[in-house]
Amino acid sequence: MPPQTPSEYEQQLVALRDYLMRFARLQLRNDAWAEDAVSETLVAALAKPQAFEARSQLKTWLVGILKHKIIDTLRQRQREVVLDGGTDDDTADPLDHMAFKTDGHFAEKPAEWGNPERDMQSRQFFAVLEACTEKLPPAQGRLFLMREWLELSSEDICKELSLTPTNLYVQLHRARLRLRECLELNWFAQPT
């Protein structure tokens, strides 16, 4: 059930537009496509406000709609997608700075992550996670979001972007390592 008056509902939609744009831009890497996906999401929400039954937050419901719009955009424009549009150094191996023992274990124990369940509920954590995701090289960021946020299968991603499964797994592995490093530095690091 939407908020009490249509104007309150519309105001909430307008307030969430910037968040939806950041999410869409991060995934689509194209401002025009992102704008279209967000506009379609908001039009869908305005057309059927009764579909929002308040079983979740309005933001969560809108992101669910936006995910489908992003997937539709990717499928419609699959030939137009360019993965290598960034200047970030995708060739640098994030493992180069980590020291390992001969048995493959870390030479130094990774930082303690505390209580992940409590931290996952924190809005601040998600703000840091979003910032870390935005710092990923464009190709890795897109692949990571397609797999983990949009929940596309690896087979679908490979097909959509003409990647080999091996290349996809390598890029996802590198993205996860970079996210881990960023989260350890910006969230889990113990203040000294």
N, C-alpha and C. Protein backbone atom coordinates (compact mmCIF):
# COMPACT_ATOMS: atom_id res chain seq x y z
N MET A 1 0.84 -1.16 0.00
CA MET A 1 0.00 0.00 0.00
C MET A 1 0.89 1.23 0.00
N PRO A 2 0.66 2.19 -0.91
CA PRO A 2 1.49 3.39 -1.00
C PRO A 2 1.23 4.31 0.18
N PRO A 3 2.09 5.31 0.40
CA PRO A 3 1.87 6.28 1.47
C PRO A 3 0.49 6.92 1.33
N GLN A 4 0.04 7.67 2.39
CA GLN A 4 -1.33 8.16 2.48
C GLN A 4 -1.81 8.95 1.27
N THR A 5 -1.03 9.86 0.78
CA THR A 5 -1.49 10.68 -0.34
C THR A 5 -0.60 10.46 -1.55
N PRO A 6 -1.18 10.62 -2.75
CA PRO A 6 -0.36 10.45 -3.95
C PRO A 6 0.83 11.39 -3.98
N SER A 7 0.68 12.60 -3.45
CA SER A 7 1.79 13.54 -3.49
C SER A 7 2.96 13.06 -2.63
N GLU A 8 2.68 12.44 -1.48
CA GLU A 8 3.75 11.88 -0.64
C GLU A 8 4.48 10.77 -1.39
N TYR A 9 3.72 9.93 -2.03
CA TYR A 9 4.29 8.82 -2.80
C TYR A 9 5.17 9.36 -3.92
N GLU A 10 4.67 10.34 -4.65
CA GLU A 10 5.45 10.94 -5.74
C GLU A 10 6.71 11.61 -5.21
N GLN A 11 6.61 12.28 -4.07
CA GLN A 11 7.78 12.92 -3.47
C GLN A 11 8.84 11.89 -3.09
N GLN A 12 8.41 10.76 -2.58
CA GLN A 12 9.36 9.70 -2.23
C GLN A 12 10.03 9.15 -3.48
N LEU A 13 9.27 9.01 -4.55
CA LEU A 13 9.86 8.54 -5.81
C LEU A 13 10.91 9.53 -6.31
N VAL A 14 10.60 10.80 -6.28
CA VAL A 14 11.55 11.83 -6.72
C VAL A 14 12.80 11.79 -5.85
N ALA A 15 12.63 11.61 -4.54
CA ALA A 15 13.77 11.58 -3.62
C ALA A 15 14.69 10.39 -3.90
N LEU A 16 14.15 9.30 -4.40
CA LEU A 16 14.95 8.09 -4.66
C LEU A 16 15.54 8.07 -6.07
N ARG A 17 15.19 9.02 -6.91
CA ARG A 17 15.67 9.03 -8.30
C ARG A 17 17.19 9.06 -8.39
N ASP A 18 17.86 9.90 -7.60
CA ASP A 18 19.32 9.99 -7.66
C ASP A 18 19.98 8.66 -7.32
N TYR A 19 19.45 7.99 -6.30
CA TYR A 19 19.99 6.68 -5.93
C TYR A 19 19.83 5.69 -7.08
N LEU A 20 18.65 5.67 -7.67
CA LEU A 20 18.39 4.76 -8.79
C LEU A 20 19.30 5.08 -9.97
N MET A 21 19.56 6.36 -10.23
CA MET A 21 20.46 6.76 -11.33
C MET A 21 21.87 6.25 -11.08
N ARG A 22 22.37 6.39 -9.84
CA ARG A 22 23.72 5.89 -9.52
C ARG A 22 23.79 4.39 -9.76
N PHE A 23 22.78 3.68 -9.32
CA PHE A 23 22.74 2.23 -9.50
C PHE A 23 22.74 1.86 -10.99
N ALA A 24 21.90 2.53 -11.76
CA ALA A 24 21.79 2.23 -13.20
C ALA A 24 23.06 2.62 -13.94
N ARG A 25 23.64 3.77 -13.63
CA ARG A 25 24.89 4.20 -14.29
C ARG A 25 26.02 3.24 -14.00
N LEU A 26 26.10 2.79 -12.77
CA LEU A 26 27.15 1.87 -12.38
C LEU A 26 27.08 0.58 -13.18
N GLN A 27 25.86 0.13 -13.43
CA GLN A 27 25.71 -1.11 -14.18
C GLN A 27 25.79 -0.92 -15.68
N LEU A 28 25.14 0.09 -16.20
CA LEU A 28 25.04 0.24 -17.65
C LEU A 28 26.21 1.02 -18.26
N ARG A 29 26.87 1.86 -17.46
CA ARG A 29 28.00 2.66 -17.94
C ARG A 29 27.63 3.52 -19.14
N ASN A 30 26.38 3.95 -19.18
CA ASN A 30 25.90 4.80 -20.27
C ASN A 30 24.78 5.67 -19.70
N ASP A 31 25.00 6.97 -19.66
CA ASP A 31 24.04 7.88 -19.02
C ASP A 31 22.66 7.83 -19.67
N ALA A 32 22.61 7.77 -20.98
CA ALA A 32 21.31 7.75 -21.67
C ALA A 32 20.55 6.47 -21.35
N TRP A 33 21.23 5.35 -21.37
CA TRP A 33 20.57 4.08 -21.05
C TRP A 33 20.10 4.07 -19.60
N ALA A 34 20.95 4.60 -18.71
CA ALA A 34 20.59 4.65 -17.29
C ALA A 34 19.35 5.53 -17.09
N GLU A 35 19.34 6.67 -17.74
CA GLU A 35 18.20 7.58 -17.64
C GLU A 35 16.92 6.90 -18.13
N ASP A 36 17.01 6.18 -19.23
CA ASP A 36 15.84 5.46 -19.76
C ASP A 36 15.36 4.40 -18.77
N ALA A 37 16.29 3.62 -18.22
CA ALA A 37 15.92 2.55 -17.28
C ALA A 37 15.26 3.12 -16.03
N VAL A 38 15.81 4.21 -15.50
CA VAL A 38 15.24 4.83 -14.30
C VAL A 38 13.87 5.44 -14.63
N SER A 39 13.76 6.09 -15.76
CA SER A 39 12.47 6.67 -16.15
C SER A 39 11.40 5.59 -16.28
N GLU A 40 11.75 4.48 -16.91
CA GLU A 40 10.80 3.38 -17.06
C GLU A 40 10.42 2.81 -15.69
N THR A 41 11.38 2.75 -14.78
CA THR A 41 11.10 2.26 -13.43
C THR A 41 10.11 3.18 -12.72
N LEU A 42 10.36 4.48 -12.78
CA LEU A 42 9.48 5.44 -12.10
C LEU A 42 8.09 5.48 -12.74
N VAL A 43 8.03 5.36 -14.06
CA VAL A 43 6.73 5.33 -14.74
C VAL A 43 5.95 4.08 -14.30
N ALA A 44 6.64 2.95 -14.20
CA ALA A 44 5.97 1.72 -13.75
C ALA A 44 5.46 1.89 -12.32
N ALA A 45 6.26 2.52 -11.47
CA ALA A 45 5.84 2.73 -10.07
C ALA A 45 4.67 3.70 -9.99
N LEU A 46 4.66 4.71 -10.84
CA LEU A 46 3.56 5.68 -10.85
C LEU A 46 2.29 5.08 -11.45
N ALA A 47 2.45 4.21 -12.44
CA ALA A 47 1.30 3.62 -13.11
C ALA A 47 0.54 2.66 -12.18
N LYS A 48 1.27 1.97 -11.30
CA LYS A 48 0.62 0.99 -10.43
C LYS A 48 1.11 1.15 -8.99
N PRO A 49 0.76 2.24 -8.34
CA PRO A 49 1.22 2.44 -6.96
C PRO A 49 0.67 1.37 -6.01
N GLN A 50 -0.47 0.80 -6.35
CA GLN A 50 -1.05 -0.24 -5.50
C GLN A 50 -0.21 -1.52 -5.50
N ALA A 51 0.68 -1.68 -6.47
CA ALA A 51 1.55 -2.86 -6.50
C ALA A 51 2.55 -2.85 -5.36
N PHE A 52 2.89 -1.66 -4.85
CA PHE A 52 3.77 -1.57 -3.69
C PHE A 52 2.93 -1.85 -2.45
N GLU A 53 3.18 -3.00 -1.85
CA GLU A 53 2.36 -3.44 -0.71
C GLU A 53 3.05 -3.22 0.62
N ALA A 54 4.14 -2.46 0.63
CA ALA A 54 4.87 -2.12 1.86
C ALA A 54 5.41 -3.35 2.59
N ARG A 55 5.67 -4.42 1.84
CA ARG A 55 6.30 -5.58 2.46
C ARG A 55 7.81 -5.38 2.55
N SER A 56 8.30 -4.36 1.87
CA SER A 56 9.70 -3.97 1.92
C SER A 56 9.74 -2.46 1.87
N GLN A 57 10.94 -1.90 1.90
CA GLN A 57 11.06 -0.46 1.76
C GLN A 57 10.77 -0.09 0.30
N LEU A 58 10.31 1.12 0.09
CA LEU A 58 10.03 1.60 -1.27
C LEU A 58 11.30 1.52 -2.13
N LYS A 59 12.43 1.87 -1.55
CA LYS A 59 13.70 1.83 -2.27
C LYS A 59 14.01 0.41 -2.76
N THR A 60 13.80 -0.57 -1.92
CA THR A 60 14.06 -1.97 -2.28
C THR A 60 13.14 -2.40 -3.42
N TRP A 61 11.89 -2.02 -3.34
CA TRP A 61 10.91 -2.37 -4.38
C TRP A 61 11.32 -1.74 -5.71
N LEU A 62 11.71 -0.46 -5.68
CA LEU A 62 12.11 0.23 -6.91
C LEU A 62 13.37 -0.39 -7.51
N VAL A 63 14.34 -0.76 -6.67
CA VAL A 63 15.56 -1.39 -7.18
C VAL A 63 15.21 -2.73 -7.85
N GLY A 64 14.24 -3.45 -7.29
CA GLY A 64 13.80 -4.70 -7.92
C GLY A 64 13.25 -4.46 -9.32
N ILE A 65 12.46 -3.42 -9.47
CA ILE A 65 11.93 -3.07 -10.80
C ILE A 65 13.08 -2.65 -11.71
N LEU A 66 13.98 -1.81 -11.18
CA LEU A 66 15.10 -1.31 -11.98
C LEU A 66 16.00 -2.44 -12.46
N LYS A 67 16.22 -3.46 -11.65
CA LYS A 67 17.04 -4.60 -12.08
C LYS A 67 16.49 -5.20 -13.36
N HIS A 68 15.18 -5.37 -13.41
CA HIS A 68 14.56 -5.94 -14.61
C HIS A 68 14.70 -5.00 -15.81
N LYS A 69 14.58 -3.71 -15.58
CA LYS A 69 14.74 -2.73 -16.66
C LYS A 69 16.18 -2.75 -17.18
N ILE A 70 17.15 -2.89 -16.28
CA ILE A 70 18.56 -2.96 -16.69
C ILE A 70 18.82 -4.21 -17.51
N ILE A 71 18.29 -5.33 -17.07
CA ILE A 71 18.46 -6.58 -17.82
C ILE A 71 17.84 -6.44 -19.21
N ASP A 72 16.64 -5.85 -19.28
CA ASP A 72 16.01 -5.63 -20.58
C ASP A 72 16.88 -4.75 -21.47
N THR A 73 17.45 -3.69 -20.90
CA THR A 73 18.32 -2.78 -21.67
C THR A 73 19.55 -3.53 -22.18
N LEU A 74 20.16 -4.34 -21.32
CA LEU A 74 21.34 -5.09 -21.74
C LEU A 74 21.00 -6.04 -22.89
N ARG A 75 19.86 -6.67 -22.80
CA ARG A 75 19.48 -7.60 -23.86
C ARG A 75 19.17 -6.87 -25.16
N GLN A 76 18.52 -5.72 -25.07
CA GLN A 76 18.16 -4.97 -26.27
C GLN A 76 19.39 -4.38 -26.94
N ARG A 77 20.37 -4.03 -26.17
CA ARG A 77 21.53 -3.32 -26.71
C ARG A 77 22.81 -4.13 -26.63
N GLN A 78 22.69 -5.44 -26.62
CA GLN A 78 23.86 -6.29 -26.41
C GLN A 78 24.97 -6.03 -27.42
N ARG A 79 24.67 -5.65 -28.62
CA ARG A 79 25.70 -5.40 -29.62
C ARG A 79 26.37 -4.04 -29.41
N GLU A 80 25.71 -3.16 -28.66
CA GLU A 80 26.25 -1.82 -28.44
C GLU A 80 27.12 -1.73 -27.19
N VAL A 81 27.10 -2.74 -26.34
CA VAL A 81 27.83 -2.70 -25.08
C VAL A 81 29.34 -2.76 -25.34
N VAL A 82 30.05 -1.83 -24.73
CA VAL A 82 31.51 -1.81 -24.84
C VAL A 82 32.07 -2.00 -23.45
N LEU A 83 32.80 -3.08 -23.24
CA LEU A 83 33.36 -3.36 -21.93
C LEU A 83 34.60 -2.54 -21.63
N ASP A 84 35.43 -2.28 -22.60
CA ASP A 84 36.72 -1.68 -22.35
C ASP A 84 36.69 -0.18 -22.58
N GLY A 85 35.85 0.52 -21.79
CA GLY A 85 35.76 1.96 -21.96
C GLY A 85 36.55 2.73 -20.94
N GLY A 86 37.11 2.07 -19.95
CA GLY A 86 37.80 2.77 -18.88
C GLY A 86 39.29 2.84 -19.09
N THR A 87 39.92 3.67 -18.25
CA THR A 87 41.36 3.82 -18.32
C THR A 87 42.04 3.12 -17.16
N ASP A 88 41.24 2.47 -16.29
CA ASP A 88 41.84 1.78 -15.15
C ASP A 88 42.70 0.63 -15.63
N ASP A 89 43.68 0.30 -14.86
CA ASP A 89 44.62 -0.75 -15.22
C ASP A 89 44.06 -2.11 -14.84
N ASP A 90 43.42 -2.79 -15.81
CA ASP A 90 42.85 -4.11 -15.55
C ASP A 90 43.91 -5.20 -15.51
N THR A 91 45.12 -4.91 -15.94
CA THR A 91 46.16 -5.93 -16.00
C THR A 91 46.87 -6.11 -14.67
N ALA A 92 46.78 -5.13 -13.78
CA ALA A 92 47.45 -5.25 -12.49
C ALA A 92 46.77 -6.36 -11.69
N ASP A 93 47.55 -7.26 -11.19
CA ASP A 93 47.03 -8.37 -10.41
C ASP A 93 46.93 -7.95 -8.95
N PRO A 94 45.73 -7.98 -8.36
CA PRO A 94 45.59 -7.55 -6.98
C PRO A 94 46.32 -8.45 -5.99
N LEU A 95 46.75 -9.63 -6.43
CA LEU A 95 47.47 -10.52 -5.54
C LEU A 95 48.95 -10.17 -5.40
N ASP A 96 49.45 -9.29 -6.29
CA ASP A 96 50.87 -8.97 -6.29
C ASP A 96 51.37 -8.45 -4.95
N HIS A 97 50.56 -7.69 -4.23
CA HIS A 97 51.01 -7.10 -2.97
C HIS A 97 50.81 -8.01 -1.76
N MET A 98 50.13 -9.15 -1.95
CA MET A 98 49.86 -10.05 -0.83
C MET A 98 50.96 -11.10 -0.73
N ALA A 99 51.35 -11.39 0.49
CA ALA A 99 52.39 -12.39 0.72
C ALA A 99 51.75 -13.71 1.14
N PHE A 100 52.19 -14.79 0.49
CA PHE A 100 51.67 -16.11 0.78
C PHE A 100 52.81 -17.03 1.21
N LYS A 101 52.47 -18.00 2.04
CA LYS A 101 53.41 -19.04 2.42
C LYS A 101 53.47 -20.05 1.27
N THR A 102 54.45 -20.94 1.33
CA THR A 102 54.60 -21.95 0.27
C THR A 102 53.40 -22.90 0.22
N ASP A 103 52.66 -23.05 1.34
CA ASP A 103 51.50 -23.93 1.33
C ASP A 103 50.23 -23.23 0.83
N GLY A 104 50.37 -21.95 0.41
CA GLY A 104 49.24 -21.23 -0.16
C GLY A 104 48.45 -20.40 0.83
N HIS A 105 48.74 -20.49 2.11
CA HIS A 105 48.04 -19.69 3.11
C HIS A 105 48.65 -18.29 3.18
N PHE A 106 47.88 -17.34 3.71
CA PHE A 106 48.38 -15.98 3.88
C PHE A 106 49.56 -15.98 4.84
N ALA A 107 50.58 -15.20 4.53
CA ALA A 107 51.72 -15.03 5.44
C ALA A 107 51.27 -14.24 6.66
N GLU A 108 50.40 -13.24 6.44
CA GLU A 108 49.82 -12.46 7.53
C GLU A 108 48.32 -12.69 7.52
N LYS A 109 47.76 -12.91 8.68
CA LYS A 109 46.33 -13.14 8.79
C LYS A 109 45.57 -11.89 8.32
N PRO A 110 44.54 -12.05 7.47
CA PRO A 110 43.74 -10.90 7.05
C PRO A 110 43.08 -10.23 8.26
N ALA A 111 42.74 -8.98 8.09
CA ALA A 111 42.11 -8.22 9.18
C ALA A 111 40.83 -8.90 9.64
N GLU A 112 40.55 -8.81 10.93
CA GLU A 112 39.33 -9.37 11.51
C GLU A 112 38.12 -8.58 10.98
N TRP A 113 37.10 -9.28 10.55
CA TRP A 113 35.95 -8.63 9.96
C TRP A 113 34.84 -8.37 10.97
N GLY A 114 35.03 -8.72 12.20
CA GLY A 114 34.03 -8.43 13.22
C GLY A 114 32.80 -9.31 13.09
N ASN A 115 31.62 -8.74 13.28
CA ASN A 115 30.36 -9.46 13.21
C ASN A 115 29.67 -9.13 11.88
N PRO A 116 29.85 -9.98 10.86
CA PRO A 116 29.29 -9.67 9.53
C PRO A 116 27.77 -9.50 9.52
N GLU A 117 27.04 -10.26 10.32
CA GLU A 117 25.58 -10.14 10.30
C GLU A 117 25.14 -8.74 10.75
N ARG A 118 25.75 -8.25 11.81
CA ARG A 118 25.39 -6.92 12.29
C ARG A 118 25.81 -5.85 11.28
N ASP A 119 27.01 -6.02 10.74
CA ASP A 119 27.52 -5.03 9.80
C ASP A 119 26.72 -4.99 8.50
N MET A 120 26.21 -6.14 8.07
CA MET A 120 25.43 -6.18 6.84
C MET A 120 24.15 -5.37 6.97
N GLN A 121 23.68 -5.18 8.18
CA GLN A 121 22.45 -4.43 8.38
C GLN A 121 22.69 -2.94 8.43
N SER A 122 23.92 -2.56 8.41
CA SER A 122 24.26 -1.15 8.57
C SER A 122 24.19 -0.41 7.24
N ARG A 123 23.51 0.73 7.24
CA ARG A 123 23.44 1.55 6.03
C ARG A 123 24.82 2.07 5.66
N GLN A 124 25.63 2.35 6.64
CA GLN A 124 26.97 2.84 6.36
C GLN A 124 27.78 1.79 5.61
N PHE A 125 27.60 0.53 5.99
CA PHE A 125 28.33 -0.53 5.29
C PHE A 125 27.96 -0.53 3.81
N PHE A 126 26.67 -0.41 3.51
CA PHE A 126 26.26 -0.43 2.12
C PHE A 126 26.75 0.79 1.36
N ALA A 127 26.87 1.92 2.05
CA ALA A 127 27.43 3.11 1.40
C ALA A 127 28.90 2.86 1.04
N VAL A 128 29.64 2.23 1.95
CA VAL A 128 31.05 1.92 1.67
C VAL A 128 31.14 0.86 0.57
N LEU A 129 30.28 -0.15 0.62
CA LEU A 129 30.28 -1.19 -0.42
C LEU A 129 29.99 -0.57 -1.78
N GLU A 130 29.03 0.34 -1.84
CA GLU A 130 28.70 1.00 -3.11
C GLU A 130 29.89 1.82 -3.62
N ALA A 131 30.54 2.53 -2.71
CA ALA A 131 31.72 3.33 -3.10
C ALA A 131 32.83 2.42 -3.60
N CYS A 132 33.05 1.30 -2.94
CA CYS A 132 34.08 0.35 -3.37
C CYS A 132 33.73 -0.24 -4.73
N THR A 133 32.47 -0.53 -4.95
CA THR A 133 32.04 -1.07 -6.24
C THR A 133 32.26 -0.06 -7.35
N GLU A 134 32.00 1.21 -7.06
CA GLU A 134 32.20 2.26 -8.07
C GLU A 134 33.68 2.44 -8.41
N LYS A 135 34.58 2.06 -7.49
CA LYS A 135 36.02 2.19 -7.73
C LYS A 135 36.58 1.04 -8.58
N LEU A 136 35.80 0.01 -8.77
CA LEU A 136 36.27 -1.11 -9.60
C LEU A 136 36.49 -0.62 -11.03
N PRO A 137 37.45 -1.23 -11.74
CA PRO A 137 37.57 -0.90 -13.16
C PRO A 137 36.22 -1.16 -13.84
N PRO A 138 35.88 -0.37 -14.85
CA PRO A 138 34.54 -0.47 -15.45
C PRO A 138 34.14 -1.88 -15.86
N ALA A 139 35.02 -2.60 -16.51
CA ALA A 139 34.66 -3.95 -16.97
C ALA A 139 34.39 -4.88 -15.79
N GLN A 140 35.23 -4.84 -14.79
CA GLN A 140 35.05 -5.70 -13.62
C GLN A 140 33.80 -5.29 -12.84
N GLY A 141 33.57 -4.00 -12.73
CA GLY A 141 32.39 -3.53 -12.02
C GLY A 141 31.11 -4.01 -12.66
N ARG A 142 31.06 -3.92 -13.98
CA ARG A 142 29.86 -4.38 -14.70
C ARG A 142 29.65 -5.88 -14.51
N LEU A 143 30.72 -6.65 -14.69
CA LEU A 143 30.59 -8.10 -14.55
C LEU A 143 30.16 -8.48 -13.14
N PHE A 144 30.78 -7.84 -12.14
CA PHE A 144 30.44 -8.14 -10.76
C PHE A 144 28.96 -7.83 -10.49
N LEU A 145 28.50 -6.67 -10.93
CA LEU A 145 27.10 -6.29 -10.70
C LEU A 145 26.14 -7.19 -11.46
N MET A 146 26.51 -7.57 -12.67
CA MET A 146 25.65 -8.47 -13.44
C MET A 146 25.48 -9.80 -12.71
N ARG A 147 26.59 -10.30 -12.16
CA ARG A 147 26.56 -11.61 -11.51
C ARG A 147 25.94 -11.55 -10.12
N GLU A 148 26.39 -10.60 -9.30
CA GLU A 148 26.02 -10.60 -7.90
C GLU A 148 24.78 -9.77 -7.58
N TRP A 149 24.54 -8.67 -8.28
CA TRP A 149 23.41 -7.81 -7.96
C TRP A 149 22.22 -8.10 -8.85
N LEU A 150 22.48 -8.28 -10.14
CA LEU A 150 21.39 -8.60 -11.06
C LEU A 150 21.10 -10.09 -11.08
N GLU A 151 22.01 -10.88 -10.51
CA GLU A 151 21.87 -12.33 -10.38
C GLU A 151 21.72 -13.05 -11.71
N LEU A 152 22.40 -12.53 -12.74
CA LEU A 152 22.42 -13.23 -14.01
C LEU A 152 23.32 -14.44 -13.89
N SER A 153 23.02 -15.49 -14.61
CA SER A 153 23.87 -16.68 -14.57
C SER A 153 25.16 -16.39 -15.33
N SER A 154 26.19 -17.13 -14.99
CA SER A 154 27.48 -16.97 -15.68
C SER A 154 27.32 -17.23 -17.17
N GLU A 155 26.52 -18.21 -17.50
CA GLU A 155 26.28 -18.55 -18.91
C GLU A 155 25.63 -17.37 -19.66
N ASP A 156 24.66 -16.73 -19.01
CA ASP A 156 24.00 -15.57 -19.64
C ASP A 156 24.97 -14.41 -19.83
N ILE A 157 25.80 -14.17 -18.83
CA ILE A 157 26.76 -13.07 -18.92
C ILE A 157 27.75 -13.33 -20.05
N CYS A 158 28.27 -14.55 -20.12
CA CYS A 158 29.21 -14.90 -21.19
C CYS A 158 28.57 -14.72 -22.56
N LYS A 159 27.33 -15.14 -22.67
CA LYS A 159 26.62 -15.03 -23.95
C LYS A 159 26.38 -13.56 -24.30
N GLU A 160 25.92 -12.77 -23.33
CA GLU A 160 25.61 -11.36 -23.57
C GLU A 160 26.85 -10.56 -23.98
N LEU A 161 27.99 -10.87 -23.35
CA LEU A 161 29.18 -10.05 -23.54
C LEU A 161 30.27 -10.74 -24.35
N SER A 162 29.95 -11.88 -24.91
CA SER A 162 30.91 -12.64 -25.73
C SER A 162 32.21 -12.90 -24.98
N LEU A 163 32.09 -13.45 -23.78
CA LEU A 163 33.25 -13.78 -22.96
C LEU A 163 33.36 -15.30 -22.84
N THR A 164 34.57 -15.75 -22.62
CA THR A 164 34.73 -17.17 -22.29
C THR A 164 34.46 -17.33 -20.80
N PRO A 165 34.01 -18.51 -20.38
CA PRO A 165 33.78 -18.71 -18.95
C PRO A 165 35.05 -18.46 -18.12
N THR A 166 36.20 -18.86 -18.65
CA THR A 166 37.45 -18.64 -17.92
C THR A 166 37.72 -17.17 -17.71
N ASN A 167 37.54 -16.37 -18.75
CA ASN A 167 37.76 -14.93 -18.61
C ASN A 167 36.78 -14.32 -17.61
N LEU A 168 35.53 -14.75 -17.66
CA LEU A 168 34.55 -14.25 -16.71
C LEU A 168 34.96 -14.57 -15.29
N TYR A 169 35.36 -15.81 -15.02
CA TYR A 169 35.73 -16.20 -13.66
C TYR A 169 36.97 -15.44 -13.18
N VAL A 170 37.92 -15.21 -14.07
CA VAL A 170 39.13 -14.45 -13.69
C VAL A 170 38.74 -13.02 -13.33
N GLN A 171 37.90 -12.39 -14.17
CA GLN A 171 37.49 -11.02 -13.90
C GLN A 171 36.66 -10.92 -12.62
N LEU A 172 35.78 -11.87 -12.38
CA LEU A 172 34.99 -11.86 -11.15
C LEU A 172 35.88 -12.07 -9.93
N HIS A 173 36.87 -12.96 -10.05
CA HIS A 173 37.81 -13.19 -8.95
C HIS A 173 38.58 -11.91 -8.63
N ARG A 174 39.06 -11.24 -9.65
CA ARG A 174 39.80 -9.99 -9.44
C ARG A 174 38.91 -8.92 -8.83
N ALA A 175 37.68 -8.84 -9.29
CA ALA A 175 36.75 -7.85 -8.74
C ALA A 175 36.50 -8.12 -7.26
N ARG A 176 36.30 -9.38 -6.90
CA ARG A 176 36.05 -9.73 -5.50
C ARG A 176 37.27 -9.42 -4.63
N LEU A 177 38.46 -9.68 -5.15
CA LEU A 177 39.67 -9.36 -4.39
C LEU A 177 39.79 -7.86 -4.17
N ARG A 178 39.50 -7.08 -5.20
CA ARG A 178 39.59 -5.62 -5.06
C ARG A 178 38.53 -5.11 -4.08
N LEU A 179 37.33 -5.67 -4.14
CA LEU A 179 36.29 -5.28 -3.20
C LEU A 179 36.69 -5.64 -1.77
N ARG A 180 37.25 -6.81 -1.61
CA ARG A 180 37.70 -7.24 -0.28
C ARG A 180 38.75 -6.28 0.27
N GLU A 181 39.71 -5.94 -0.57
CA GLU A 181 40.76 -5.03 -0.13
C GLU A 181 40.18 -3.67 0.23
N CYS A 182 39.29 -3.16 -0.60
CA CYS A 182 38.67 -1.85 -0.35
C CYS A 182 37.85 -1.89 0.95
N LEU A 183 37.09 -2.97 1.16
CA LEU A 183 36.29 -3.08 2.38
C LEU A 183 37.17 -3.22 3.61
N GLU A 184 38.26 -3.95 3.49
CA GLU A 184 39.17 -4.09 4.63
C GLU A 184 39.78 -2.73 5.00
N LEU A 185 40.11 -1.93 4.00
CA LEU A 185 40.70 -0.62 4.27
C LEU A 185 39.67 0.39 4.78
N ASN A 186 38.47 0.36 4.23
CA ASN A 186 37.50 1.41 4.50
C ASN A 186 36.39 1.04 5.47
N TRP A 187 36.28 -0.22 5.83
CA TRP A 187 35.21 -0.61 6.75
C TRP A 187 35.70 -1.47 7.90
N PHE A 188 36.43 -2.54 7.57
CA PHE A 188 36.80 -3.50 8.61
C PHE A 188 38.10 -3.17 9.34
N ALA A 189 38.86 -2.22 8.83
CA ALA A 189 40.13 -1.87 9.46
C ALA A 189 39.90 -1.35 10.87
N GLN A 190 40.69 -1.84 11.78
CA GLN A 190 40.59 -1.39 13.16
C GLN A 190 41.28 -0.03 13.32
N PRO A 191 40.63 0.94 13.92
CA PRO A 191 41.29 2.24 14.12
C PRO A 191 42.50 2.06 15.04
N THR A 192 43.58 2.74 14.68
CA THR A 192 44.80 2.61 15.50
C THR A 192 45.04 3.87 16.29
